[in-house]
Amino acid sequence: MKAPLKQVAMSPGFSQTNASDKAAKKAQKRATGLDAETVQAAWLEHFAALSDPRGSKGVEHPFLSIVMIAILATIGRATGWEDIETYGESHEQWLSSFLSLPRGIPHADTYRRLFERIEPAAL
């Protein structure tokens, strides 16, 4: 005959939560969220020393928007210029909530040309 199993308390991370706990966590996440202007200001400040290597003629996409899309796409496992363009296209609605995208998402060649000119140490 087997000995009865001893009841062990669940770890706090595995305990059941009720609906009010879940609602409180959602409200807390919303309260700590950042608005678009705050995010953009933080990125502008962070990359203030990074200069735009393009001339003023023929510039269709804002410098910071190109840099941010490339960084976010790379975090999302983009491995090439086409992947970065695809990431931008698939997330355009979200990206446009905090980036200036007056001419839409840049093409892969735009990312390539820009990053060929940026000084790597400056990044």
N, C-alpha and C. Protein backbone atom coordinates (compact mmCIF):
# COMPACT_ATOMS: atom_id res chain seq x y z
N MET A 1 0.83 -1.17 0.00
CA MET A 1 0.00 0.00 0.00
C MET A 1 0.89 1.25 0.00
N LYS A 2 0.52 2.23 -0.87
CA LYS A 2 1.30 3.44 -1.00
C LYS A 2 0.92 4.42 0.10
N ALA A 3 1.92 5.18 0.49
CA ALA A 3 1.68 6.22 1.49
C ALA A 3 0.93 7.37 0.84
N PRO A 4 0.04 8.03 1.55
CA PRO A 4 -0.70 9.15 0.97
C PRO A 4 0.26 10.28 0.59
N LEU A 5 -0.08 10.96 -0.52
CA LEU A 5 0.76 12.06 -0.98
C LEU A 5 0.62 13.25 -0.05
N LYS A 6 1.72 13.89 0.20
CA LYS A 6 1.75 15.05 1.06
C LYS A 6 1.38 16.27 0.22
N GLN A 7 0.48 17.09 0.67
CA GLN A 7 0.09 18.28 -0.07
C GLN A 7 1.15 19.35 0.11
N VAL A 8 1.54 19.92 -1.03
CA VAL A 8 2.56 20.96 -1.03
C VAL A 8 1.92 22.22 -1.59
N ALA A 9 2.22 23.34 -0.98
CA ALA A 9 1.68 24.61 -1.47
C ALA A 9 2.34 24.96 -2.80
N MET A 10 1.56 25.54 -3.70
CA MET A 10 2.07 25.95 -4.99
C MET A 10 2.97 27.16 -4.84
N SER A 11 3.95 27.25 -5.72
CA SER A 11 4.81 28.43 -5.76
C SER A 11 3.95 29.63 -6.11
N PRO A 12 4.29 30.78 -5.63
CA PRO A 12 3.48 31.97 -5.91
C PRO A 12 3.30 32.23 -7.41
N GLY A 13 4.29 31.91 -8.21
CA GLY A 13 4.19 32.15 -9.65
C GLY A 13 3.18 31.25 -10.34
N PHE A 14 2.79 30.17 -9.70
CA PHE A 14 1.87 29.22 -10.30
C PHE A 14 0.50 29.21 -9.66
N SER A 15 0.31 30.09 -8.72
CA SER A 15 -0.99 30.11 -8.06
C SER A 15 -2.05 30.67 -9.00
N GLN A 16 -3.26 30.31 -8.75
CA GLN A 16 -4.35 30.80 -9.58
C GLN A 16 -4.64 32.25 -9.24
N THR A 17 -4.94 33.03 -10.28
CA THR A 17 -5.29 34.42 -10.05
C THR A 17 -6.74 34.62 -10.41
N ASN A 18 -7.36 35.53 -9.74
CA ASN A 18 -8.76 35.80 -10.06
C ASN A 18 -8.86 36.94 -11.05
N ALA A 19 -10.03 37.22 -11.51
CA ALA A 19 -10.27 38.23 -12.55
C ALA A 19 -9.83 39.62 -12.11
N SER A 20 -10.02 39.95 -10.84
CA SER A 20 -9.64 41.28 -10.37
C SER A 20 -8.12 41.46 -10.37
N ASP A 21 -7.39 40.39 -10.08
CA ASP A 21 -5.92 40.46 -10.15
C ASP A 21 -5.47 40.72 -11.58
N LYS A 22 -6.09 40.03 -12.52
CA LYS A 22 -5.74 40.22 -13.94
C LYS A 22 -6.07 41.62 -14.40
N ALA A 23 -7.21 42.14 -13.99
CA ALA A 23 -7.60 43.50 -14.38
C ALA A 23 -6.64 44.52 -13.79
N ALA A 24 -6.21 44.31 -12.57
CA ALA A 24 -5.27 45.23 -11.92
C ALA A 24 -3.93 45.23 -12.65
N LYS A 25 -3.48 44.06 -13.08
CA LYS A 25 -2.21 43.97 -13.81
C LYS A 25 -2.31 44.68 -15.16
N LYS A 26 -3.43 44.54 -15.86
CA LYS A 26 -3.62 45.22 -17.14
C LYS A 26 -3.62 46.73 -16.95
N ALA A 27 -4.30 47.20 -15.90
CA ALA A 27 -4.36 48.63 -15.63
C ALA A 27 -2.97 49.18 -15.31
N GLN A 28 -2.18 48.40 -14.58
CA GLN A 28 -0.83 48.82 -14.25
C GLN A 28 0.03 48.92 -15.51
N LYS A 29 -0.10 47.96 -16.42
CA LYS A 29 0.65 48.00 -17.67
C LYS A 29 0.29 49.24 -18.48
N ARG A 30 -1.00 49.56 -18.56
CA ARG A 30 -1.44 50.73 -19.29
C ARG A 30 -0.89 52.01 -18.66
N ALA A 31 -0.86 52.05 -17.34
CA ALA A 31 -0.40 53.25 -16.64
C ALA A 31 1.09 53.49 -16.85
N THR A 32 1.86 52.43 -17.00
CA THR A 32 3.30 52.58 -17.18
C THR A 32 3.69 52.67 -18.65
N GLY A 33 2.74 52.55 -19.56
CA GLY A 33 3.02 52.63 -20.99
C GLY A 33 3.47 54.03 -21.38
N LEU A 34 4.19 54.11 -22.49
CA LEU A 34 4.69 55.38 -22.97
C LEU A 34 3.87 55.84 -24.16
N ASP A 35 3.65 57.14 -24.23
CA ASP A 35 2.96 57.65 -25.40
C ASP A 35 3.96 57.88 -26.53
N ALA A 36 3.45 58.11 -27.73
CA ALA A 36 4.29 58.22 -28.92
C ALA A 36 5.31 59.36 -28.80
N GLU A 37 4.88 60.51 -28.28
CA GLU A 37 5.80 61.63 -28.18
C GLU A 37 6.94 61.35 -27.22
N THR A 38 6.66 60.66 -26.13
CA THR A 38 7.70 60.32 -25.17
C THR A 38 8.72 59.37 -25.79
N VAL A 39 8.23 58.36 -26.51
CA VAL A 39 9.12 57.40 -27.16
C VAL A 39 9.99 58.12 -28.18
N GLN A 40 9.37 58.93 -29.03
CA GLN A 40 10.11 59.62 -30.07
C GLN A 40 11.15 60.58 -29.47
N ALA A 41 10.78 61.28 -28.42
CA ALA A 41 11.72 62.19 -27.77
C ALA A 41 12.92 61.44 -27.18
N ALA A 42 12.66 60.29 -26.58
CA ALA A 42 13.74 59.49 -26.01
C ALA A 42 14.70 59.00 -27.10
N TRP A 43 14.14 58.55 -28.22
CA TRP A 43 14.99 58.09 -29.33
C TRP A 43 15.77 59.26 -29.93
N LEU A 44 15.12 60.40 -30.11
CA LEU A 44 15.81 61.58 -30.64
C LEU A 44 16.99 61.96 -29.74
N GLU A 45 16.75 61.94 -28.45
CA GLU A 45 17.81 62.27 -27.49
C GLU A 45 18.94 61.25 -27.56
N HIS A 46 18.57 59.97 -27.62
CA HIS A 46 19.58 58.91 -27.65
C HIS A 46 20.46 58.99 -28.90
N PHE A 47 19.85 59.29 -30.04
CA PHE A 47 20.58 59.34 -31.29
C PHE A 47 20.93 60.76 -31.73
N ALA A 48 20.93 61.72 -30.81
CA ALA A 48 21.21 63.12 -31.15
C ALA A 48 22.61 63.29 -31.74
N ALA A 49 23.57 62.52 -31.27
CA ALA A 49 24.94 62.64 -31.77
C ALA A 49 25.12 61.96 -33.13
N LEU A 50 24.19 61.15 -33.52
CA LEU A 50 24.28 60.44 -34.81
C LEU A 50 23.80 61.38 -35.91
N SER A 51 24.69 61.72 -36.81
CA SER A 51 24.32 62.68 -37.85
C SER A 51 23.86 61.96 -39.11
N ASP A 52 22.95 62.61 -39.80
CA ASP A 52 22.40 62.10 -41.05
C ASP A 52 23.45 62.30 -42.15
N PRO A 53 23.97 61.22 -42.72
CA PRO A 53 25.03 61.35 -43.72
C PRO A 53 24.51 61.75 -45.11
N ARG A 54 23.21 61.83 -45.26
CA ARG A 54 22.64 62.18 -46.56
C ARG A 54 22.63 63.69 -46.73
N GLY A 55 22.66 64.12 -47.95
CA GLY A 55 22.48 65.54 -48.22
C GLY A 55 21.01 65.87 -48.09
N SER A 56 20.66 67.13 -48.23
CA SER A 56 19.27 67.51 -48.09
C SER A 56 18.46 67.27 -49.37
N LYS A 57 19.13 67.09 -50.48
CA LYS A 57 18.45 66.90 -51.76
C LYS A 57 18.01 65.45 -51.93
N GLY A 58 16.75 65.27 -52.29
CA GLY A 58 16.24 63.94 -52.59
C GLY A 58 15.93 63.07 -51.38
N VAL A 59 15.90 63.63 -50.18
CA VAL A 59 15.61 62.86 -48.97
C VAL A 59 14.10 62.69 -48.85
N GLU A 60 13.64 61.45 -48.89
CA GLU A 60 12.20 61.18 -48.83
C GLU A 60 11.73 60.68 -47.47
N HIS A 61 12.64 60.08 -46.71
CA HIS A 61 12.26 59.48 -45.43
C HIS A 61 13.08 60.10 -44.31
N PRO A 62 12.44 60.40 -43.18
CA PRO A 62 13.17 60.96 -42.04
C PRO A 62 14.26 59.99 -41.55
N PHE A 63 15.40 60.56 -41.26
CA PHE A 63 16.57 59.80 -40.82
C PHE A 63 16.25 58.91 -39.61
N LEU A 64 15.66 59.50 -38.59
CA LEU A 64 15.38 58.75 -37.36
C LEU A 64 14.40 57.61 -37.61
N SER A 65 13.45 57.81 -38.49
CA SER A 65 12.48 56.74 -38.80
C SER A 65 13.19 55.55 -39.43
N ILE A 66 14.11 55.80 -40.34
CA ILE A 66 14.85 54.71 -40.98
C ILE A 66 15.67 53.95 -39.95
N VAL A 67 16.38 54.69 -39.11
CA VAL A 67 17.23 54.06 -38.09
C VAL A 67 16.38 53.23 -37.12
N MET A 68 15.27 53.78 -36.66
CA MET A 68 14.44 53.07 -35.69
C MET A 68 13.82 51.82 -36.28
N ILE A 69 13.32 51.90 -37.51
CA ILE A 69 12.73 50.71 -38.13
C ILE A 69 13.78 49.63 -38.27
N ALA A 70 14.98 50.01 -38.68
CA ALA A 70 16.05 49.02 -38.84
C ALA A 70 16.41 48.36 -37.52
N ILE A 71 16.50 49.15 -36.46
CA ILE A 71 16.83 48.59 -35.14
C ILE A 71 15.72 47.66 -34.66
N LEU A 72 14.48 48.11 -34.76
CA LEU A 72 13.36 47.28 -34.31
C LEU A 72 13.27 46.00 -35.13
N ALA A 73 13.49 46.09 -36.43
CA ALA A 73 13.45 44.91 -37.29
C ALA A 73 14.56 43.93 -36.92
N THR A 74 15.73 44.46 -36.61
CA THR A 74 16.86 43.61 -36.23
C THR A 74 16.57 42.90 -34.91
N ILE A 75 15.97 43.62 -33.97
CA ILE A 75 15.55 42.98 -32.71
C ILE A 75 14.55 41.87 -33.01
N GLY A 76 13.72 42.09 -34.02
CA GLY A 76 12.74 41.09 -34.44
C GLY A 76 13.31 40.03 -35.36
N ARG A 77 14.63 39.91 -35.41
CA ARG A 77 15.36 38.88 -36.15
C ARG A 77 15.45 39.10 -37.66
N ALA A 78 15.36 40.33 -38.11
CA ALA A 78 15.60 40.61 -39.52
C ALA A 78 17.09 40.36 -39.78
N THR A 79 17.40 39.76 -40.92
CA THR A 79 18.80 39.43 -41.22
C THR A 79 19.31 40.10 -42.49
N GLY A 80 18.51 40.93 -43.09
CA GLY A 80 18.95 41.62 -44.30
C GLY A 80 18.05 42.80 -44.60
N TRP A 81 18.43 43.57 -45.62
CA TRP A 81 17.68 44.78 -45.96
C TRP A 81 16.24 44.48 -46.37
N GLU A 82 16.04 43.39 -47.10
CA GLU A 82 14.67 43.03 -47.50
C GLU A 82 13.83 42.64 -46.28
N ASP A 83 14.46 41.97 -45.31
CA ASP A 83 13.75 41.62 -44.07
C ASP A 83 13.32 42.88 -43.32
N ILE A 84 14.18 43.90 -43.33
CA ILE A 84 13.86 45.14 -42.64
C ILE A 84 12.68 45.82 -43.34
N GLU A 85 12.70 45.83 -44.67
CA GLU A 85 11.58 46.41 -45.41
C GLU A 85 10.29 45.65 -45.12
N THR A 86 10.36 44.33 -45.12
CA THR A 86 9.18 43.49 -44.85
C THR A 86 8.66 43.75 -43.44
N TYR A 87 9.56 43.86 -42.47
CA TYR A 87 9.16 44.17 -41.09
C TYR A 87 8.42 45.50 -41.06
N GLY A 88 8.98 46.52 -41.71
CA GLY A 88 8.36 47.83 -41.74
C GLY A 88 6.97 47.79 -42.36
N GLU A 89 6.84 47.09 -43.47
CA GLU A 89 5.54 47.00 -44.13
C GLU A 89 4.52 46.27 -43.27
N SER A 90 4.94 45.22 -42.61
CA SER A 90 3.99 44.44 -41.81
C SER A 90 3.63 45.12 -40.49
N HIS A 91 4.43 46.10 -40.06
CA HIS A 91 4.17 46.82 -38.81
C HIS A 91 3.91 48.31 -39.05
N GLU A 92 3.57 48.67 -40.28
CA GLU A 92 3.44 50.08 -40.64
C GLU A 92 2.44 50.83 -39.78
N GLN A 93 1.31 50.24 -39.51
CA GLN A 93 0.29 50.94 -38.71
C GLN A 93 0.83 51.27 -37.33
N TRP A 94 1.47 50.31 -36.70
CA TRP A 94 2.03 50.52 -35.36
C TRP A 94 3.19 51.53 -35.43
N LEU A 95 4.10 51.36 -36.38
CA LEU A 95 5.25 52.25 -36.50
C LEU A 95 4.81 53.70 -36.74
N SER A 96 3.76 53.87 -37.53
CA SER A 96 3.29 55.23 -37.83
C SER A 96 2.67 55.91 -36.61
N SER A 97 2.42 55.15 -35.55
CA SER A 97 1.87 55.76 -34.34
C SER A 97 2.93 56.53 -33.56
N PHE A 98 4.21 56.28 -33.83
CA PHE A 98 5.26 57.02 -33.12
C PHE A 98 6.41 57.47 -34.01
N LEU A 99 6.36 57.17 -35.32
CA LEU A 99 7.38 57.62 -36.26
C LEU A 99 6.74 58.46 -37.35
N SER A 100 7.53 59.34 -37.91
CA SER A 100 7.07 60.11 -39.06
C SER A 100 7.34 59.27 -40.31
N LEU A 101 6.28 58.90 -41.01
CA LEU A 101 6.39 58.10 -42.23
C LEU A 101 5.62 58.78 -43.36
N PRO A 102 6.03 59.99 -43.76
CA PRO A 102 5.26 60.73 -44.76
C PRO A 102 5.19 60.05 -46.13
N ARG A 103 6.18 59.25 -46.45
CA ARG A 103 6.20 58.56 -47.75
C ARG A 103 6.10 57.04 -47.57
N GLY A 104 5.58 56.61 -46.44
CA GLY A 104 5.44 55.18 -46.18
C GLY A 104 6.74 54.56 -45.69
N ILE A 105 6.82 53.26 -45.86
CA ILE A 105 7.99 52.51 -45.41
C ILE A 105 9.09 52.58 -46.48
N PRO A 106 10.32 52.87 -46.08
CA PRO A 106 11.42 52.92 -47.06
C PRO A 106 11.67 51.55 -47.70
N HIS A 107 12.22 51.57 -48.90
CA HIS A 107 12.59 50.34 -49.59
C HIS A 107 13.91 49.81 -49.04
N ALA A 108 14.18 48.55 -49.29
CA ALA A 108 15.39 47.89 -48.80
C ALA A 108 16.66 48.66 -49.19
N ASP A 109 16.71 49.16 -50.42
CA ASP A 109 17.89 49.90 -50.87
C ASP A 109 18.12 51.18 -50.07
N THR A 110 17.05 51.78 -49.59
CA THR A 110 17.18 52.99 -48.78
C THR A 110 17.90 52.68 -47.48
N TYR A 111 17.54 51.57 -46.84
CA TYR A 111 18.22 51.17 -45.60
C TYR A 111 19.69 50.90 -45.90
N ARG A 112 19.94 50.14 -46.94
CA ARG A 112 21.32 49.78 -47.30
C ARG A 112 22.17 51.02 -47.54
N ARG A 113 21.68 51.93 -48.38
CA ARG A 113 22.45 53.15 -48.70
C ARG A 113 22.73 53.98 -47.45
N LEU A 114 21.73 54.12 -46.60
CA LEU A 114 21.92 54.92 -45.39
C LEU A 114 22.96 54.29 -44.46
N PHE A 115 22.81 52.99 -44.20
CA PHE A 115 23.72 52.35 -43.25
C PHE A 115 25.12 52.15 -43.80
N GLU A 116 25.28 52.20 -45.12
CA GLU A 116 26.63 52.19 -45.69
C GLU A 116 27.36 53.48 -45.38
N ARG A 117 26.63 54.55 -45.16
CA ARG A 117 27.22 55.88 -44.94
C ARG A 117 27.38 56.24 -43.47
N ILE A 118 26.65 55.56 -42.59
CA ILE A 118 26.74 55.88 -41.16
C ILE A 118 28.05 55.33 -40.60
N GLU A 119 28.69 56.14 -39.79
CA GLU A 119 29.91 55.71 -39.12
C GLU A 119 29.55 54.67 -38.06
N PRO A 120 30.04 53.44 -38.17
CA PRO A 120 29.66 52.37 -37.22
C PRO A 120 29.91 52.73 -35.76
N ALA A 121 31.01 53.40 -35.49
CA ALA A 121 31.32 53.76 -34.09
C ALA A 121 30.28 54.74 -33.53
N ALA A 122 29.67 55.53 -34.41
CA ALA A 122 28.66 56.49 -33.94
C ALA A 122 27.40 55.79 -33.45
N LEU A 123 27.08 54.63 -34.03
CA LEU A 123 25.92 53.88 -33.57
C LEU A 123 26.18 53.31 -32.21
